[in-house]
N, C-alpha and C. Protein backbone atom coordinates (compact mmCIF):
# COMPACT_ATOMS: atom_id res chain seq x y z
N MET A 1 16.88 -72.45 -13.76
CA MET A 1 17.14 -72.54 -12.34
C MET A 1 18.64 -72.45 -12.10
N THR A 2 19.06 -71.53 -11.30
CA THR A 2 20.48 -71.37 -11.00
C THR A 2 20.85 -72.26 -9.82
N PRO A 3 22.04 -72.85 -9.88
CA PRO A 3 22.46 -73.71 -8.78
C PRO A 3 22.68 -72.90 -7.51
N ALA A 4 22.51 -73.57 -6.38
CA ALA A 4 22.74 -72.92 -5.10
C ALA A 4 24.22 -72.55 -4.99
N PRO A 5 24.51 -71.42 -4.32
CA PRO A 5 25.92 -71.05 -4.17
C PRO A 5 26.67 -72.11 -3.36
N LEU A 6 27.94 -72.26 -3.69
CA LEU A 6 28.77 -73.23 -2.98
C LEU A 6 29.13 -72.74 -1.59
N ARG A 7 29.27 -73.68 -0.67
CA ARG A 7 29.82 -73.32 0.64
C ARG A 7 31.22 -72.77 0.43
N LYS A 8 31.72 -72.02 1.40
CA LYS A 8 33.04 -71.40 1.24
C LYS A 8 34.13 -72.43 0.99
N ASP A 9 34.12 -73.54 1.72
CA ASP A 9 35.16 -74.55 1.51
C ASP A 9 35.02 -75.21 0.14
N ALA A 10 33.80 -75.45 -0.30
CA ALA A 10 33.57 -76.04 -1.61
C ALA A 10 34.00 -75.06 -2.71
N ALA A 11 33.72 -73.78 -2.51
CA ALA A 11 34.12 -72.76 -3.49
C ALA A 11 35.65 -72.69 -3.57
N ARG A 12 36.32 -72.76 -2.44
CA ARG A 12 37.79 -72.76 -2.43
C ARG A 12 38.33 -73.98 -3.17
N ASN A 13 37.72 -75.13 -2.93
CA ASN A 13 38.16 -76.35 -3.61
C ASN A 13 37.96 -76.22 -5.12
N TRP A 14 36.80 -75.70 -5.53
CA TRP A 14 36.50 -75.50 -6.95
C TRP A 14 37.57 -74.60 -7.57
N GLU A 15 37.86 -73.49 -6.92
CA GLU A 15 38.87 -72.56 -7.43
C GLU A 15 40.25 -73.21 -7.50
N ARG A 16 40.59 -74.00 -6.51
CA ARG A 16 41.89 -74.67 -6.50
C ARG A 16 41.97 -75.68 -7.65
N ILE A 17 40.91 -76.42 -7.86
CA ILE A 17 40.87 -77.41 -8.95
C ILE A 17 41.06 -76.71 -10.30
N VAL A 18 40.32 -75.63 -10.51
CA VAL A 18 40.41 -74.91 -11.78
C VAL A 18 41.80 -74.29 -11.96
N ALA A 19 42.38 -73.78 -10.90
CA ALA A 19 43.73 -73.18 -10.99
C ALA A 19 44.77 -74.25 -11.35
N VAL A 20 44.68 -75.41 -10.73
CA VAL A 20 45.62 -76.49 -11.05
C VAL A 20 45.41 -76.93 -12.50
N ALA A 21 44.16 -77.06 -12.91
CA ALA A 21 43.88 -77.46 -14.29
C ALA A 21 44.43 -76.42 -15.27
N ARG A 22 44.25 -75.16 -14.95
CA ARG A 22 44.78 -74.08 -15.82
C ARG A 22 46.28 -74.23 -15.97
N ASP A 23 46.98 -74.47 -14.85
CA ASP A 23 48.44 -74.63 -14.90
C ASP A 23 48.84 -75.83 -15.76
N LEU A 24 48.13 -76.94 -15.60
CA LEU A 24 48.44 -78.13 -16.39
C LEU A 24 48.24 -77.86 -17.88
N VAL A 25 47.12 -77.24 -18.21
CA VAL A 25 46.83 -76.93 -19.62
C VAL A 25 47.89 -75.99 -20.17
N ASP A 26 48.23 -74.96 -19.41
CA ASP A 26 49.24 -74.00 -19.87
C ASP A 26 50.61 -74.65 -20.06
N ASP A 27 50.88 -75.69 -19.27
CA ASP A 27 52.16 -76.40 -19.39
C ASP A 27 52.12 -77.48 -20.47
N GLY A 28 50.96 -77.64 -21.13
CA GLY A 28 50.83 -78.62 -22.19
C GLY A 28 50.72 -80.05 -21.69
N GLU A 29 50.35 -80.21 -20.44
CA GLU A 29 50.22 -81.55 -19.86
C GLU A 29 48.78 -82.04 -19.98
N PRO A 30 48.59 -83.36 -20.08
CA PRO A 30 47.23 -83.88 -20.19
C PRO A 30 46.44 -83.59 -18.91
N LEU A 31 45.18 -83.37 -19.09
CA LEU A 31 44.31 -83.05 -17.96
C LEU A 31 43.64 -84.34 -17.50
N GLN A 32 44.14 -84.90 -16.40
CA GLN A 32 43.57 -86.11 -15.81
C GLN A 32 43.11 -85.78 -14.41
N LEU A 33 41.87 -86.14 -14.11
CA LEU A 33 41.28 -85.72 -12.84
C LEU A 33 42.04 -86.25 -11.63
N ASN A 34 42.57 -87.46 -11.69
CA ASN A 34 43.35 -87.98 -10.55
C ASN A 34 44.60 -87.14 -10.32
N ASP A 35 45.24 -86.73 -11.39
CA ASP A 35 46.44 -85.90 -11.30
C ASP A 35 46.07 -84.52 -10.75
N VAL A 36 44.95 -83.98 -11.20
CA VAL A 36 44.48 -82.68 -10.69
C VAL A 36 44.25 -82.78 -9.19
N ALA A 37 43.59 -83.83 -8.75
CA ALA A 37 43.31 -84.01 -7.32
C ALA A 37 44.60 -84.05 -6.51
N ARG A 38 45.56 -84.83 -6.98
CA ARG A 38 46.85 -84.95 -6.28
C ARG A 38 47.54 -83.60 -6.19
N ARG A 39 47.62 -82.89 -7.31
CA ARG A 39 48.31 -81.60 -7.33
C ARG A 39 47.58 -80.53 -6.53
N ALA A 40 46.25 -80.65 -6.45
CA ALA A 40 45.47 -79.68 -5.68
C ALA A 40 45.43 -80.03 -4.19
N GLY A 41 45.93 -81.21 -3.84
CA GLY A 41 45.90 -81.64 -2.45
C GLY A 41 44.49 -81.98 -1.98
N LEU A 42 43.69 -82.50 -2.90
CA LEU A 42 42.30 -82.84 -2.59
C LEU A 42 42.05 -84.31 -2.91
N GLY A 43 40.99 -84.83 -2.33
CA GLY A 43 40.59 -86.19 -2.65
C GLY A 43 40.01 -86.26 -4.06
N VAL A 44 40.17 -87.40 -4.68
CA VAL A 44 39.67 -87.59 -6.03
C VAL A 44 38.15 -87.38 -6.06
N GLY A 45 37.46 -87.84 -5.03
CA GLY A 45 36.00 -87.67 -4.96
C GLY A 45 35.60 -86.21 -4.99
N THR A 46 36.37 -85.37 -4.36
CA THR A 46 36.08 -83.92 -4.37
C THR A 46 36.16 -83.37 -5.78
N VAL A 47 37.18 -83.76 -6.50
CA VAL A 47 37.34 -83.28 -7.88
C VAL A 47 36.18 -83.79 -8.73
N TYR A 48 35.85 -85.08 -8.60
CA TYR A 48 34.77 -85.65 -9.40
C TYR A 48 33.40 -85.07 -9.05
N ARG A 49 33.20 -84.64 -7.81
CA ARG A 49 31.93 -84.00 -7.45
C ARG A 49 31.76 -82.68 -8.19
N HIS A 50 32.85 -81.96 -8.36
CA HIS A 50 32.79 -80.69 -9.07
C HIS A 50 32.81 -80.87 -10.59
N PHE A 51 33.62 -81.82 -11.06
CA PHE A 51 33.84 -82.01 -12.50
C PHE A 51 33.79 -83.50 -12.81
N PRO A 52 32.68 -83.97 -13.36
CA PRO A 52 32.54 -85.41 -13.59
C PRO A 52 33.48 -85.96 -14.66
N THR A 53 33.99 -85.08 -15.54
CA THR A 53 34.92 -85.53 -16.60
C THR A 53 36.02 -84.49 -16.78
N ALA A 54 37.11 -84.94 -17.36
CA ALA A 54 38.20 -84.01 -17.68
C ALA A 54 37.74 -82.98 -18.70
N GLU A 55 36.83 -83.38 -19.59
CA GLU A 55 36.31 -82.45 -20.59
C GLU A 55 35.54 -81.31 -19.93
N ALA A 56 34.74 -81.65 -18.92
CA ALA A 56 33.99 -80.61 -18.21
C ALA A 56 34.95 -79.64 -17.52
N LEU A 57 36.01 -80.16 -16.97
CA LEU A 57 37.00 -79.30 -16.32
C LEU A 57 37.72 -78.43 -17.37
N LEU A 58 38.10 -79.02 -18.48
CA LEU A 58 38.77 -78.25 -19.54
C LEU A 58 37.85 -77.14 -20.05
N GLU A 59 36.58 -77.45 -20.24
CA GLU A 59 35.64 -76.44 -20.69
C GLU A 59 35.50 -75.32 -19.66
N THR A 60 35.55 -75.66 -18.40
CA THR A 60 35.49 -74.65 -17.34
C THR A 60 36.73 -73.75 -17.40
N VAL A 61 37.87 -74.35 -17.66
CA VAL A 61 39.10 -73.57 -17.80
C VAL A 61 39.00 -72.62 -18.99
N ALA A 62 38.39 -73.07 -20.08
CA ALA A 62 38.28 -72.26 -21.30
C ALA A 62 37.17 -71.22 -21.24
N THR A 63 36.22 -71.36 -20.32
CA THR A 63 35.05 -70.48 -20.29
C THR A 63 35.39 -68.99 -20.21
N PRO A 64 36.30 -68.53 -19.36
CA PRO A 64 36.58 -67.09 -19.34
C PRO A 64 37.06 -66.56 -20.69
N CYS A 65 37.86 -67.33 -21.39
CA CYS A 65 38.34 -66.90 -22.71
C CYS A 65 37.18 -66.86 -23.70
N LEU A 66 36.34 -67.88 -23.70
CA LEU A 66 35.18 -67.90 -24.60
C LEU A 66 34.25 -66.73 -24.30
N GLU A 67 34.05 -66.44 -23.02
CA GLU A 67 33.18 -65.32 -22.65
C GLU A 67 33.78 -64.00 -23.13
N ALA A 68 35.08 -63.84 -22.97
CA ALA A 68 35.73 -62.60 -23.40
C ALA A 68 35.67 -62.45 -24.92
N LEU A 69 35.90 -63.53 -25.66
CA LEU A 69 35.82 -63.47 -27.12
C LEU A 69 34.41 -63.14 -27.59
N THR A 70 33.43 -63.75 -26.97
CA THR A 70 32.04 -63.50 -27.32
C THR A 70 31.68 -62.04 -27.06
N ALA A 71 32.08 -61.53 -25.90
CA ALA A 71 31.80 -60.13 -25.56
C ALA A 71 32.50 -59.19 -26.54
N HIS A 72 33.75 -59.52 -26.89
CA HIS A 72 34.49 -58.71 -27.86
C HIS A 72 33.76 -58.68 -29.19
N GLY A 73 33.31 -59.84 -29.65
CA GLY A 73 32.58 -59.92 -30.91
C GLY A 73 31.27 -59.15 -30.88
N GLU A 74 30.56 -59.23 -29.77
CA GLU A 74 29.29 -58.51 -29.66
C GLU A 74 29.51 -57.00 -29.66
N ARG A 75 30.59 -56.55 -29.03
CA ARG A 75 30.93 -55.11 -29.09
C ARG A 75 31.30 -54.71 -30.51
N ALA A 76 32.01 -55.58 -31.20
CA ALA A 76 32.43 -55.28 -32.58
C ALA A 76 31.23 -55.12 -33.50
N LEU A 77 30.15 -55.84 -33.24
CA LEU A 77 28.96 -55.72 -34.08
C LEU A 77 28.40 -54.30 -34.09
N ALA A 78 28.67 -53.54 -33.05
CA ALA A 78 28.15 -52.17 -32.96
C ALA A 78 29.05 -51.15 -33.66
N ASP A 79 30.23 -51.58 -34.12
CA ASP A 79 31.17 -50.68 -34.78
C ASP A 79 30.62 -50.27 -36.14
N ASP A 80 30.67 -48.99 -36.46
CA ASP A 80 30.19 -48.48 -37.74
C ASP A 80 31.10 -48.88 -38.91
N ASP A 81 32.34 -49.17 -38.63
CA ASP A 81 33.30 -49.55 -39.67
C ASP A 81 33.35 -51.08 -39.74
N ALA A 82 32.70 -51.64 -40.73
CA ALA A 82 32.57 -53.10 -40.82
C ALA A 82 33.92 -53.80 -40.96
N TRP A 83 34.86 -53.21 -41.70
CA TRP A 83 36.17 -53.82 -41.85
C TRP A 83 36.92 -53.81 -40.53
N ARG A 84 36.91 -52.69 -39.82
CA ARG A 84 37.59 -52.59 -38.53
C ARG A 84 36.99 -53.59 -37.55
N ALA A 85 35.67 -53.71 -37.55
CA ALA A 85 35.00 -54.64 -36.64
C ALA A 85 35.42 -56.09 -36.94
N PHE A 86 35.38 -56.45 -38.21
CA PHE A 86 35.73 -57.81 -38.62
C PHE A 86 37.20 -58.12 -38.34
N SER A 87 38.08 -57.26 -38.80
CA SER A 87 39.52 -57.52 -38.61
C SER A 87 39.91 -57.46 -37.14
N GLY A 88 39.29 -56.58 -36.38
CA GLY A 88 39.57 -56.52 -34.94
C GLY A 88 39.12 -57.77 -34.21
N PHE A 89 37.98 -58.30 -34.63
CA PHE A 89 37.48 -59.55 -34.04
C PHE A 89 38.44 -60.69 -34.35
N LEU A 90 38.90 -60.77 -35.60
CA LEU A 90 39.84 -61.83 -35.95
C LEU A 90 41.16 -61.67 -35.19
N ALA A 91 41.61 -60.44 -34.99
CA ALA A 91 42.84 -60.21 -34.23
C ALA A 91 42.68 -60.68 -32.78
N GLY A 92 41.54 -60.39 -32.19
CA GLY A 92 41.28 -60.85 -30.83
C GLY A 92 41.19 -62.36 -30.75
N THR A 93 40.60 -62.96 -31.77
CA THR A 93 40.48 -64.42 -31.82
C THR A 93 41.85 -65.08 -31.93
N ILE A 94 42.69 -64.54 -32.79
CA ILE A 94 44.04 -65.08 -32.95
C ILE A 94 44.84 -64.95 -31.66
N GLU A 95 44.75 -63.80 -31.04
CA GLU A 95 45.48 -63.60 -29.78
C GLU A 95 45.03 -64.63 -28.74
N ALA A 96 43.74 -64.86 -28.65
CA ALA A 96 43.22 -65.85 -27.70
C ALA A 96 43.72 -67.25 -28.04
N GLN A 97 43.74 -67.58 -29.31
CA GLN A 97 44.17 -68.91 -29.72
C GLN A 97 45.63 -69.19 -29.37
N VAL A 98 46.48 -68.19 -29.47
CA VAL A 98 47.90 -68.44 -29.20
C VAL A 98 48.27 -68.21 -27.75
N THR A 99 47.37 -67.64 -26.96
CA THR A 99 47.69 -67.41 -25.55
C THR A 99 46.92 -68.29 -24.59
N ASP A 100 45.82 -68.90 -25.03
CA ASP A 100 45.03 -69.76 -24.14
C ASP A 100 45.05 -71.18 -24.69
N ALA A 101 45.83 -72.03 -24.04
CA ALA A 101 46.02 -73.40 -24.53
C ALA A 101 44.75 -74.24 -24.46
N SER A 102 43.76 -73.82 -23.70
CA SER A 102 42.52 -74.61 -23.60
C SER A 102 41.59 -74.36 -24.78
N LEU A 103 41.74 -73.24 -25.44
CA LEU A 103 40.76 -72.79 -26.42
C LEU A 103 40.65 -73.72 -27.63
N ALA A 104 41.75 -74.09 -28.24
CA ALA A 104 41.70 -74.89 -29.46
C ALA A 104 41.00 -76.22 -29.23
N THR A 105 41.34 -76.90 -28.16
CA THR A 105 40.73 -78.20 -27.89
C THR A 105 39.24 -78.08 -27.65
N VAL A 106 38.84 -77.08 -26.88
CA VAL A 106 37.42 -76.91 -26.56
C VAL A 106 36.63 -76.50 -27.80
N THR A 107 37.15 -75.57 -28.57
CA THR A 107 36.39 -75.11 -29.74
C THR A 107 36.35 -76.17 -30.84
N ALA A 108 37.34 -77.04 -30.90
CA ALA A 108 37.36 -78.08 -31.93
C ALA A 108 36.56 -79.32 -31.56
N ALA A 109 36.20 -79.46 -30.30
CA ALA A 109 35.47 -80.65 -29.86
C ALA A 109 34.10 -80.74 -30.55
N PRO A 110 33.76 -81.92 -31.06
CA PRO A 110 32.47 -82.06 -31.75
C PRO A 110 31.28 -82.03 -30.80
N THR A 111 31.51 -82.37 -29.54
CA THR A 111 30.45 -82.31 -28.53
C THR A 111 31.00 -81.62 -27.30
N ASP A 112 30.09 -81.09 -26.50
CA ASP A 112 30.47 -80.38 -25.29
C ASP A 112 29.91 -81.08 -24.06
N SER A 113 30.62 -80.95 -22.96
CA SER A 113 30.16 -81.51 -21.70
C SER A 113 29.23 -80.57 -20.96
N LEU A 114 29.43 -79.28 -21.15
CA LEU A 114 28.67 -78.28 -20.42
C LEU A 114 27.77 -77.49 -21.37
N PRO A 115 26.52 -77.28 -21.00
CA PRO A 115 25.63 -76.47 -21.84
C PRO A 115 26.18 -75.06 -22.07
N ARG A 116 26.85 -74.49 -21.08
CA ARG A 116 27.40 -73.14 -21.23
C ARG A 116 28.43 -73.10 -22.36
N THR A 117 29.21 -74.15 -22.50
CA THR A 117 30.21 -74.20 -23.58
C THR A 117 29.52 -74.19 -24.93
N THR A 118 28.49 -74.98 -25.07
CA THR A 118 27.74 -75.03 -26.33
C THR A 118 27.16 -73.66 -26.65
N GLU A 119 26.59 -73.02 -25.65
CA GLU A 119 26.00 -71.68 -25.83
C GLU A 119 27.06 -70.67 -26.28
N LEU A 120 28.20 -70.67 -25.61
CA LEU A 120 29.26 -69.72 -25.96
C LEU A 120 29.82 -69.98 -27.35
N LYS A 121 30.04 -71.24 -27.70
CA LYS A 121 30.56 -71.56 -29.03
C LYS A 121 29.58 -71.15 -30.11
N GLN A 122 28.30 -71.44 -29.91
CA GLN A 122 27.30 -71.06 -30.92
C GLN A 122 27.24 -69.55 -31.08
N THR A 123 27.30 -68.83 -29.96
CA THR A 123 27.28 -67.37 -30.02
C THR A 123 28.52 -66.85 -30.74
N LEU A 124 29.66 -67.42 -30.43
CA LEU A 124 30.92 -66.99 -31.05
C LEU A 124 30.87 -67.21 -32.56
N TRP A 125 30.43 -68.38 -33.01
CA TRP A 125 30.34 -68.65 -34.45
C TRP A 125 29.35 -67.69 -35.11
N SER A 126 28.23 -67.46 -34.43
CA SER A 126 27.21 -66.57 -34.98
C SER A 126 27.73 -65.15 -35.12
N VAL A 127 28.40 -64.66 -34.10
CA VAL A 127 28.96 -63.32 -34.13
C VAL A 127 29.99 -63.20 -35.25
N GLY A 128 30.86 -64.19 -35.38
CA GLY A 128 31.86 -64.17 -36.45
C GLY A 128 31.20 -64.12 -37.82
N ALA A 129 30.15 -64.91 -38.00
CA ALA A 129 29.44 -64.92 -39.29
C ALA A 129 28.77 -63.58 -39.55
N ARG A 130 28.19 -62.99 -38.52
CA ARG A 130 27.54 -61.69 -38.70
C ARG A 130 28.55 -60.61 -39.03
N LEU A 131 29.70 -60.64 -38.38
CA LEU A 131 30.75 -59.65 -38.67
C LEU A 131 31.25 -59.82 -40.11
N LEU A 132 31.41 -61.06 -40.54
CA LEU A 132 31.82 -61.31 -41.93
C LEU A 132 30.74 -60.80 -42.89
N ASP A 133 29.49 -61.10 -42.60
CA ASP A 133 28.40 -60.63 -43.46
C ASP A 133 28.39 -59.11 -43.57
N GLN A 134 28.58 -58.42 -42.43
CA GLN A 134 28.62 -56.96 -42.45
C GLN A 134 29.77 -56.46 -43.31
N ALA A 135 30.94 -57.08 -43.15
CA ALA A 135 32.11 -56.65 -43.93
C ALA A 135 31.90 -56.93 -45.42
N ARG A 136 31.30 -58.08 -45.72
CA ARG A 136 31.04 -58.42 -47.12
C ARG A 136 29.99 -57.47 -47.71
N ASP A 137 28.92 -57.19 -46.93
CA ASP A 137 27.86 -56.27 -47.39
C ASP A 137 28.40 -54.87 -47.63
N ALA A 138 29.42 -54.48 -46.85
CA ALA A 138 30.02 -53.15 -47.00
C ALA A 138 31.03 -53.12 -48.16
N GLY A 139 31.26 -54.29 -48.76
CA GLY A 139 32.23 -54.36 -49.85
C GLY A 139 33.67 -54.33 -49.38
N ALA A 140 33.88 -54.63 -48.10
CA ALA A 140 35.21 -54.53 -47.52
C ALA A 140 35.99 -55.84 -47.56
N VAL A 141 35.30 -56.92 -47.86
CA VAL A 141 35.96 -58.22 -47.85
C VAL A 141 35.52 -59.00 -49.10
N ARG A 142 36.38 -59.88 -49.53
CA ARG A 142 36.09 -60.68 -50.72
C ARG A 142 34.73 -61.35 -50.62
N ALA A 143 34.03 -61.36 -51.73
CA ALA A 143 32.67 -61.92 -51.76
C ALA A 143 32.67 -63.44 -51.62
N ASP A 144 33.77 -64.10 -51.94
CA ASP A 144 33.79 -65.56 -51.90
C ASP A 144 34.14 -66.14 -50.53
N LEU A 145 34.47 -65.30 -49.57
CA LEU A 145 34.78 -65.77 -48.22
C LEU A 145 33.48 -66.10 -47.49
N THR A 146 33.41 -67.30 -46.90
CA THR A 146 32.20 -67.73 -46.20
C THR A 146 32.50 -67.90 -44.71
N PRO A 147 31.47 -67.91 -43.88
CA PRO A 147 31.69 -68.17 -42.45
C PRO A 147 32.40 -69.50 -42.20
N ASP A 148 32.13 -70.50 -43.03
CA ASP A 148 32.79 -71.80 -42.86
C ASP A 148 34.30 -71.72 -43.11
N ASP A 149 34.75 -70.68 -43.80
CA ASP A 149 36.18 -70.51 -44.06
C ASP A 149 36.93 -69.94 -42.85
N LEU A 150 36.22 -69.24 -41.98
CA LEU A 150 36.89 -68.51 -40.90
C LEU A 150 37.62 -69.42 -39.92
N VAL A 151 36.95 -70.48 -39.45
CA VAL A 151 37.58 -71.34 -38.45
C VAL A 151 38.85 -72.00 -39.00
N PRO A 152 38.82 -72.62 -40.18
CA PRO A 152 40.07 -73.21 -40.67
C PRO A 152 41.18 -72.18 -40.88
N LEU A 153 40.84 -71.00 -41.37
CA LEU A 153 41.86 -69.98 -41.57
C LEU A 153 42.48 -69.55 -40.24
N MET A 154 41.64 -69.33 -39.24
CA MET A 154 42.16 -68.89 -37.94
C MET A 154 42.96 -70.00 -37.27
N CYS A 155 42.47 -71.23 -37.38
CA CYS A 155 43.20 -72.36 -36.80
C CYS A 155 44.54 -72.56 -37.50
N GLY A 156 44.55 -72.36 -38.81
CA GLY A 156 45.80 -72.49 -39.56
C GLY A 156 46.84 -71.48 -39.12
N ILE A 157 46.41 -70.26 -38.93
CA ILE A 157 47.33 -69.22 -38.46
C ILE A 157 47.85 -69.55 -37.07
N ALA A 158 46.94 -69.93 -36.18
CA ALA A 158 47.36 -70.25 -34.80
C ALA A 158 48.31 -71.44 -34.79
N HIS A 159 48.01 -72.44 -35.59
CA HIS A 159 48.89 -73.62 -35.63
C HIS A 159 50.27 -73.25 -36.17
N ALA A 160 50.30 -72.50 -37.25
CA ALA A 160 51.59 -72.10 -37.83
C ALA A 160 52.40 -71.27 -36.84
N ALA A 161 51.74 -70.36 -36.14
CA ALA A 161 52.45 -69.53 -35.16
C ALA A 161 52.97 -70.37 -34.01
N THR A 162 52.22 -71.37 -33.60
CA THR A 162 52.63 -72.23 -32.49
C THR A 162 53.80 -73.12 -32.89
N VAL A 163 53.73 -73.69 -34.07
CA VAL A 163 54.77 -74.61 -34.53
C VAL A 163 56.09 -73.89 -34.80
N HIS A 164 56.01 -72.65 -35.28
CA HIS A 164 57.22 -71.96 -35.72
C HIS A 164 57.73 -70.92 -34.73
N SER A 165 57.25 -70.94 -33.50
CA SER A 165 57.70 -69.96 -32.50
C SER A 165 58.00 -70.67 -31.18
N ASP A 166 59.04 -70.17 -30.50
CA ASP A 166 59.48 -70.83 -29.27
C ASP A 166 58.92 -70.23 -28.00
N THR A 167 58.52 -68.97 -28.04
CA THR A 167 58.06 -68.30 -26.82
C THR A 167 56.65 -67.75 -27.02
N PRO A 168 55.95 -67.49 -25.95
CA PRO A 168 54.62 -66.89 -26.09
C PRO A 168 54.64 -65.57 -26.86
N ALA A 169 55.63 -64.73 -26.59
CA ALA A 169 55.72 -63.44 -27.29
C ALA A 169 55.96 -63.65 -28.79
N ALA A 170 56.83 -64.58 -29.12
CA ALA A 170 57.11 -64.87 -30.54
C ALA A 170 55.87 -65.45 -31.22
N ARG A 171 55.13 -66.32 -30.50
CA ARG A 171 53.88 -66.88 -31.05
C ARG A 171 52.89 -65.78 -31.37
N SER A 172 52.73 -64.86 -30.43
CA SER A 172 51.79 -63.76 -30.62
C SER A 172 52.21 -62.88 -31.80
N ASP A 173 53.49 -62.54 -31.86
CA ASP A 173 53.99 -61.71 -32.96
C ASP A 173 53.79 -62.42 -34.31
N ALA A 174 54.14 -63.69 -34.38
CA ALA A 174 54.00 -64.44 -35.62
C ALA A 174 52.53 -64.52 -36.02
N ALA A 175 51.65 -64.81 -35.07
CA ALA A 175 50.23 -64.93 -35.38
C ALA A 175 49.68 -63.62 -35.94
N HIS A 176 50.08 -62.51 -35.37
CA HIS A 176 49.59 -61.22 -35.87
C HIS A 176 50.18 -60.89 -37.25
N ARG A 177 51.42 -61.27 -37.51
CA ARG A 177 51.99 -61.09 -38.85
C ARG A 177 51.23 -61.92 -39.88
N TYR A 178 50.98 -63.18 -39.53
CA TYR A 178 50.26 -64.06 -40.45
C TYR A 178 48.84 -63.55 -40.68
N LEU A 179 48.20 -63.07 -39.61
CA LEU A 179 46.84 -62.55 -39.75
C LEU A 179 46.84 -61.31 -40.63
N THR A 180 47.83 -60.44 -40.45
CA THR A 180 47.91 -59.23 -41.28
C THR A 180 48.02 -59.62 -42.76
N ALA A 181 48.85 -60.60 -43.06
CA ALA A 181 48.99 -61.05 -44.44
C ALA A 181 47.66 -61.61 -44.97
N LEU A 182 46.97 -62.38 -44.14
CA LEU A 182 45.67 -62.93 -44.55
C LEU A 182 44.67 -61.80 -44.78
N LEU A 183 44.60 -60.86 -43.86
CA LEU A 183 43.64 -59.77 -43.99
C LEU A 183 43.91 -58.91 -45.22
N GLU A 184 45.19 -58.71 -45.53
CA GLU A 184 45.51 -57.94 -46.73
C GLU A 184 45.02 -58.66 -47.99
N GLY A 185 45.01 -59.99 -47.95
CA GLY A 185 44.51 -60.76 -49.07
C GLY A 185 43.00 -60.80 -49.15
N LEU A 186 42.34 -60.57 -48.02
CA LEU A 186 40.88 -60.60 -47.99
C LEU A 186 40.25 -59.23 -48.26
N HIS A 187 40.99 -58.19 -47.90
CA HIS A 187 40.44 -56.83 -47.99
C HIS A 187 40.30 -56.41 -49.44
N THR A 188 39.20 -55.78 -49.76
CA THR A 188 38.94 -55.41 -51.16
C THR A 188 39.32 -53.98 -51.48
N SER A 189 39.56 -53.16 -50.48
CA SER A 189 39.86 -51.74 -50.78
C SER A 189 41.33 -51.46 -50.71
């Protein structure tokens, strides 16, 4: 059952709340619903009606990135070149990790507030595992690499790029350099 569409004023409030939350996350500030309400110029009750917890709001902020990553991965599954599909998916994942501050927290959370988040995360992990399996089956990637290795490797690269870079452009460049080095170590040909 799909929820009824929001009234225009409620939809504007929802958009304003999400925009303020996005700005806070991008600035590295904690996401607190009272602070979001104040910055959005709305009553706290309005924010809580839309988002009962800060986690639900953070997941909403991360949803477009998760949807884009999932779609990218699903398109990659159709690529005839298993190595290109796998490495391209990892490149897209790294780019998302260093450019979307909401992604790491949401993907690392052991539980989700929103069913949509759980669905997207499960699909993303599944797609990554299938891309790895295809690359391994094609003989393009080391046989000892497992799907469980992917998340720590990608998180390690994103963390290193974030810690050792001062600007978004430098973070992105560093992450892609680190990923290239990792991929060269994984590639069998």
